[in-house]
Amino acid sequence: MGNMRDTNARKLAQTWEVLTGSPLGLAGIADGLSRCGKSCRLRWMNYLQPNVKRGNYTEEEELMISKLHEELGNK
């Protein structure tokens, strides 16, 4: 099936907004895009969700990661 095209990504984002993020509607979304529900959910969670922060870590985030790594290690 390959990568989701931009048009499918737009359809997924629009439909998800209508469903207000309810994972129960994934089967219907997936049918309309010829995808499985898991593919749609992962695409939403990793790329299309509007509150996902992208880009480099801030200085504060870098310090927090270092601090937590010192305390917790690689758990």
Protein backbone atom coordinates (compact mmCIF):
# COMPACT_ATOMS: atom_id res chain seq x y z
CA MET A 1 0.00 0.00 0.00
CA GLY A 2 2.96 2.33 0.48
CA ASN A 3 2.98 5.81 1.93
CA MET A 4 -0.15 7.81 2.50
CA ARG A 5 -0.53 10.53 -0.10
CA ASP A 6 -1.27 14.13 0.81
CA THR A 7 -4.92 13.84 -0.24
CA ASN A 8 -5.41 10.81 2.00
CA ALA A 9 -3.63 12.58 4.85
CA ARG A 10 -5.97 15.59 4.45
CA LYS A 11 -9.02 13.31 4.42
CA LEU A 12 -7.76 11.57 7.55
CA ALA A 13 -7.16 14.85 9.37
CA GLN A 14 -10.57 16.27 8.39
CA THR A 15 -12.43 13.11 9.35
CA TRP A 16 -10.54 12.84 12.64
CA GLU A 17 -11.57 16.39 13.52
CA VAL A 18 -15.21 15.49 12.88
CA LEU A 19 -14.88 12.47 15.16
CA THR A 20 -13.11 14.66 17.77
CA GLY A 21 -10.25 12.22 18.05
CA SER A 22 -12.35 9.19 18.94
CA PRO A 23 -10.40 6.00 18.16
CA LEU A 24 -13.70 4.15 17.78
CA GLY A 25 -14.20 5.70 14.36
CA LEU A 26 -10.94 4.46 12.86
CA ALA A 27 -12.55 1.55 11.02
CA GLY A 28 -14.78 3.92 9.05
CA ILE A 29 -11.91 6.26 8.26
CA ALA A 30 -9.69 3.38 7.19
CA ASP A 31 -12.33 1.96 4.83
CA GLY A 32 -12.63 5.29 3.04
CA LEU A 33 -8.86 5.48 2.55
CA SER A 34 -8.24 1.79 1.77
CA ARG A 35 -6.04 1.57 4.87
CA CYS A 36 -6.14 -0.38 8.10
CA GLY A 37 -7.16 1.38 11.32
CA LYS A 38 -3.67 1.01 12.77
CA SER A 39 -2.13 2.83 9.80
CA CYS A 40 -4.59 5.71 10.21
CA ARG A 41 -4.02 5.91 13.96
CA LEU A 42 -0.23 5.95 13.61
CA ARG A 43 -0.37 8.56 10.86
CA TRP A 44 -2.55 10.77 13.05
CA MET A 45 -0.49 10.31 16.20
CA ASN A 46 2.91 10.84 14.56
CA TYR A 47 2.31 13.38 11.80
CA LEU A 48 -1.11 14.98 11.56
CA GLN A 49 -2.08 15.71 15.15
CA PRO A 50 -1.91 19.51 15.52
CA ASN A 51 -0.36 19.57 19.01
CA VAL A 52 2.67 17.40 18.12
CA LYS A 53 5.81 19.48 18.62
CA ARG A 54 8.36 19.24 15.82
CA GLY A 55 11.86 20.57 15.54
CA ASN A 56 14.90 20.71 17.77
CA TYR A 57 14.88 20.37 21.54
CA THR A 58 15.04 23.60 23.53
CA GLU A 59 17.86 24.18 26.00
CA GLU A 60 15.43 23.50 28.87
CA GLU A 61 14.37 20.18 27.30
CA GLU A 62 18.00 19.15 26.79
CA LEU A 63 18.78 19.83 30.46
CA MET A 64 15.72 17.88 31.61
CA ILE A 65 16.67 14.89 29.44
CA SER A 66 20.21 14.92 30.83
CA LYS A 67 18.97 15.24 34.42
CA LEU A 68 16.47 12.41 34.06
CA HIS A 69 19.06 10.21 32.37
CA GLU A 70 21.43 10.75 35.30
CA GLU A 71 18.67 9.82 37.75
CA LEU A 72 17.06 6.94 35.87
CA GLY A 73 19.67 5.70 33.43
CA ASN A 74 18.51 3.82 30.34
CA LYS A 75 15.33 2.40 31.85
